Amino acid sequence: MSEDQTAEASAPQDFGWVFLELMGHRQRVGRAREEYVGSGKMIRIDIPTDDDGGFVTEFYGTSAVYALRPISEEVAKDHWAAGDPRPVRPAEYRPDTQIEHYEDPNDPYDDRPF
């Protein structure tokens, strides 16, 4: 194998528009490609959020992939028009002072240091 063929074989693969099925019954539609994260290969998928070019990027380990089906951009646009993959309301952290806490005066473990 020549040096050019070796470099070509080890270059990350671009899958184009795909319908990605993952273990756990998750499905994603977007542009996918291989990427190295740390020392391992992962699948990066850029999921469109609107027609103006916005997208959400997600990474999945190759062992989590159940199926990867090439699709056309037209099919992808029809799919993402049905809904935005971002959470409806992002998670927010509350300060410890806003979390309700009940103290039981009879709790023998109440003097724990944590």
C-alpha atoms as a PDB file:
ATOM      1  CA  MET A   1       0.000   0.000   0.000  1.00  0.00           C
ATOM      2  CA  SER A   2       1.464   3.353  -0.992  1.00  0.00           C
ATOM      3  CA  GLU A   3       1.797   6.304   1.380  1.00  0.00           C
ATOM      4  CA  ASP A   4      -1.086   8.128  -0.356  1.00  0.00           C
ATOM      5  CA  GLN A   5      -3.377   5.116   0.052  1.00  0.00           C
ATOM      6  CA  THR A   6      -2.440   4.787   3.741  1.00  0.00           C
ATOM      7  CA  ALA A   7      -3.173   8.476   4.398  1.00  0.00           C
ATOM      8  CA  GLU A   8      -6.442   8.201   2.501  1.00  0.00           C
ATOM      9  CA  ALA A   9      -7.494   5.076   4.446  1.00  0.00           C
ATOM     10  CA  SER A  10      -6.762   6.707   7.815  1.00  0.00           C
ATOM     11  CA  ALA A  11      -8.404  10.060   7.013  1.00  0.00           C
ATOM     12  CA  PRO A  12     -11.717  10.615   8.816  1.00  0.00           C
ATOM     13  CA  GLN A  13     -14.649   9.604   6.635  1.00  0.00           C
ATOM     14  CA  ASP A  14     -17.416  12.061   5.744  1.00  0.00           C
ATOM     15  CA  PHE A  15     -20.766  10.257   5.539  1.00  0.00           C
ATOM     16  CA  GLY A  16     -22.806  13.224   4.264  1.00  0.00           C
ATOM     17  CA  TRP A  17     -26.509  13.376   5.146  1.00  0.00           C
ATOM     18  CA  VAL A  18     -27.544  10.373   7.230  1.00  0.00           C
ATOM     19  CA  PHE A  19     -30.300   8.884   9.333  1.00  0.00           C
ATOM     20  CA  LEU A  20     -28.374   7.683  12.400  1.00  0.00           C
ATOM     21  CA  GLU A  21     -29.926   5.068  14.662  1.00  0.00           C
ATOM     22  CA  LEU A  22     -28.376   4.503  18.065  1.00  0.00           C
ATOM     23  CA  MET A  23     -28.688   1.883  20.756  1.00  0.00           C
ATOM     24  CA  GLY A  24     -31.340   3.076  23.169  1.00  0.00           C
ATOM     25  CA  HIS A  25     -33.722   3.893  20.301  1.00  0.00           C
ATOM     26  CA  ARG A  26     -32.392   7.399  19.610  1.00  0.00           C
ATOM     27  CA  GLN A  27     -32.570   8.636  16.058  1.00  0.00           C
ATOM     28  CA  ARG A  28     -30.748  11.597  14.587  1.00  0.00           C
ATOM     29  CA  VAL A  29     -30.771  13.190  11.128  1.00  0.00           C
ATOM     30  CA  GLY A  30     -27.913  15.391   9.973  1.00  0.00           C
ATOM     31  CA  ARG A  31     -24.475  15.518   8.394  1.00  0.00           C
ATOM     32  CA  ALA A  32     -22.168  12.906   9.898  1.00  0.00           C
ATOM     33  CA  ARG A  33     -18.466  12.192   9.836  1.00  0.00           C
ATOM     34  CA  GLU A  34     -15.808  10.374  11.810  1.00  0.00           C
ATOM     35  CA  GLU A  35     -13.709  12.304  14.288  1.00  0.00           C
ATOM     36  CA  TYR A  36     -11.021  11.328  16.704  1.00  0.00           C
ATOM     37  CA  VAL A  37     -11.740  12.391  20.268  1.00  0.00           C
ATOM     38  CA  GLY A  38      -8.925  11.566  22.616  1.00  0.00           C
ATOM     39  CA  SER A  39      -7.557   8.277  21.337  1.00  0.00           C
ATOM     40  CA  GLY A  40     -10.816   6.906  19.932  1.00  0.00           C
ATOM     41  CA  LYS A  41     -12.898   7.290  16.829  1.00  0.00           C
ATOM     42  CA  MET A  42     -16.392   8.752  17.250  1.00  0.00           C
ATOM     43  CA  ILE A  43     -19.255   9.722  14.985  1.00  0.00           C
ATOM     44  CA  ARG A  44     -19.933  13.461  14.882  1.00  0.00           C
ATOM     45  CA  ILE A  45     -23.371  14.487  13.673  1.00  0.00           C
ATOM     46  CA  ASP A  46     -24.367  18.084  12.985  1.00  0.00           C
ATOM     47  CA  ILE A  47     -28.154  18.292  13.350  1.00  0.00           C
ATOM     48  CA  PRO A  48     -29.821  21.263  11.633  1.00  0.00           C
ATOM     49  CA  THR A  49     -32.093  23.385  13.801  1.00  0.00           C
ATOM     50  CA  ASP A  50     -33.435  25.801  11.173  1.00  0.00           C
ATOM     51  CA  ASP A  51     -33.119  26.854   7.545  1.00  0.00           C
ATOM     52  CA  ASP A  52     -30.704  29.669   8.473  1.00  0.00           C
ATOM     53  CA  GLY A  53     -27.754  27.327   8.993  1.00  0.00           C
ATOM     54  CA  GLY A  54     -28.041  26.749  12.747  1.00  0.00           C
ATOM     55  CA  PHE A  55     -27.154  23.316  14.051  1.00  0.00           C
ATOM     56  CA  VAL A  56     -26.493  21.244  17.162  1.00  0.00           C
ATOM     57  CA  THR A  57     -23.435  18.974  17.263  1.00  0.00           C
ATOM     58  CA  GLU A  58     -23.474  15.610  19.037  1.00  0.00           C
ATOM     59  CA  PHE A  59     -20.780  12.923  19.329  1.00  0.00           C
ATOM     60  CA  TYR A  60     -21.431   9.191  19.670  1.00  0.00           C
ATOM     61  CA  GLY A  61     -19.100   6.261  20.164  1.00  0.00           C
ATOM     62  CA  THR A  62     -19.028   3.875  17.240  1.00  0.00           C
ATOM     63  CA  SER A  63     -20.216   1.035  19.489  1.00  0.00           C
ATOM     64  CA  ALA A  64     -23.456   2.972  20.131  1.00  0.00           C
ATOM     65  CA  VAL A  65     -24.361   3.058  16.435  1.00  0.00           C
ATOM     66  CA  TYR A  66     -27.043   0.574  15.409  1.00  0.00           C
ATOM     67  CA  ALA A  67     -27.468   1.770  11.822  1.00  0.00           C
ATOM     68  CA  LEU A  68     -26.244   4.574   9.588  1.00  0.00           C
ATOM     69  CA  ARG A  69     -28.336   5.148   6.469  1.00  0.00           C
ATOM     70  CA  PRO A  70     -27.376   7.664   3.788  1.00  0.00           C
ATOM     71  CA  ILE A  71     -30.239   9.990   2.847  1.00  0.00           C
ATOM     72  CA  SER A  72     -30.705  13.008   0.622  1.00  0.00           C
ATOM     73  CA  GLU A  73     -30.603  16.571   1.918  1.00  0.00           C
ATOM     74  CA  GLU A  74     -34.263  16.919   0.925  1.00  0.00           C
ATOM     75  CA  VAL A  75     -35.286  14.009   3.176  1.00  0.00           C
ATOM     76  CA  ALA A  76     -33.168  15.477   5.980  1.00  0.00           C
ATOM     77  CA  LYS A  77     -34.871  18.873   5.654  1.00  0.00           C
ATOM     78  CA  ASP A  78     -38.305  17.250   5.763  1.00  0.00           C
ATOM     79  CA  HIS A  79     -37.307  15.409   8.923  1.00  0.00           C
ATOM     80  CA  TRP A  80     -35.811  18.370  10.803  1.00  0.00           C
ATOM     81  CA  ALA A  81     -38.756  20.591   9.853  1.00  0.00           C
ATOM     82  CA  ALA A  82     -40.824  18.377  12.169  1.00  0.00           C
ATOM     83  CA  GLY A  83     -38.960  19.534  15.285  1.00  0.00           C
ATOM     84  CA  ASP A  84     -35.918  21.113  16.840  1.00  0.00           C
ATOM     85  CA  PRO A  85     -33.525  18.631  18.560  1.00  0.00           C
ATOM     86  CA  ARG A  86     -32.598  21.090  21.313  1.00  0.00           C
ATOM     87  CA  PRO A  87     -34.256  20.803  24.739  1.00  0.00           C
ATOM     88  CA  VAL A  88     -37.413  22.864  25.153  1.00  0.00           C
ATOM     89  CA  ARG A  89     -35.927  24.505  28.231  1.00  0.00           C
ATOM     90  CA  PRO A  90     -32.258  24.019  29.056  1.00  0.00           C
ATOM     91  CA  ALA A  91     -31.478  22.607  32.471  1.00  0.00           C
ATOM     92  CA  GLU A  92     -30.623  25.188  35.105  1.00  0.00           C
ATOM     93  CA  TYR A  93     -28.748  24.714  38.323  1.00  0.00           C
ATOM     94  CA  ARG A  94     -30.204  26.232  41.442  1.00  0.00           C
ATOM     95  CA  PRO A  95     -28.082  27.514  44.300  1.00  0.00           C
ATOM     96  CA  ASP A  96     -28.002  25.222  47.328  1.00  0.00           C
ATOM     97  CA  THR A  97     -30.008  27.817  49.278  1.00  0.00           C
ATOM     98  CA  GLN A  98     -32.991  27.328  46.929  1.00  0.00           C
ATOM     99  CA  ILE A  99     -33.151  23.539  47.353  1.00  0.00           C
ATOM    100  CA  GLU A 100     -35.674  22.406  49.918  1.00  0.00           C
ATOM    101  CA  HIS A 101     -34.139  20.490  52.779  1.00  0.00           C
ATOM    102  CA  TYR A 102     -35.905  18.739  55.620  1.00  0.00           C
ATOM    103  CA  GLU A 103     -34.050  18.193  58.862  1.00  0.00           C
ATOM    104  CA  ASP A 104     -35.339  15.452  61.151  1.00  0.00           C
ATOM    105  CA  PRO A 105     -34.390  16.126  64.768  1.00  0.00           C
ATOM    106  CA  ASN A 106     -34.496  12.354  65.450  1.00  0.00           C
ATOM    107  CA  ASP A 107     -32.139  11.446  62.610  1.00  0.00           C
ATOM    108  CA  PRO A 108     -29.097   9.659  64.097  1.00  0.00           C
ATOM    109  CA  TYR A 109     -27.067  10.513  60.992  1.00  0.00           C
ATOM    110  CA  ASP A 110     -27.756  14.259  61.150  1.00  0.00           C
ATOM    111  CA  ASP A 111     -24.215  15.064  62.312  1.00  0.00           C
ATOM    112  CA  ARG A 112     -22.656  13.784  59.062  1.00  0.00           C
ATOM    113  CA  PRO A 113     -19.977  16.119  57.675  1.00  0.00           C
ATOM    114  CA  PHE A 114     -21.592  16.266  54.206  1.00  0.00           C
END
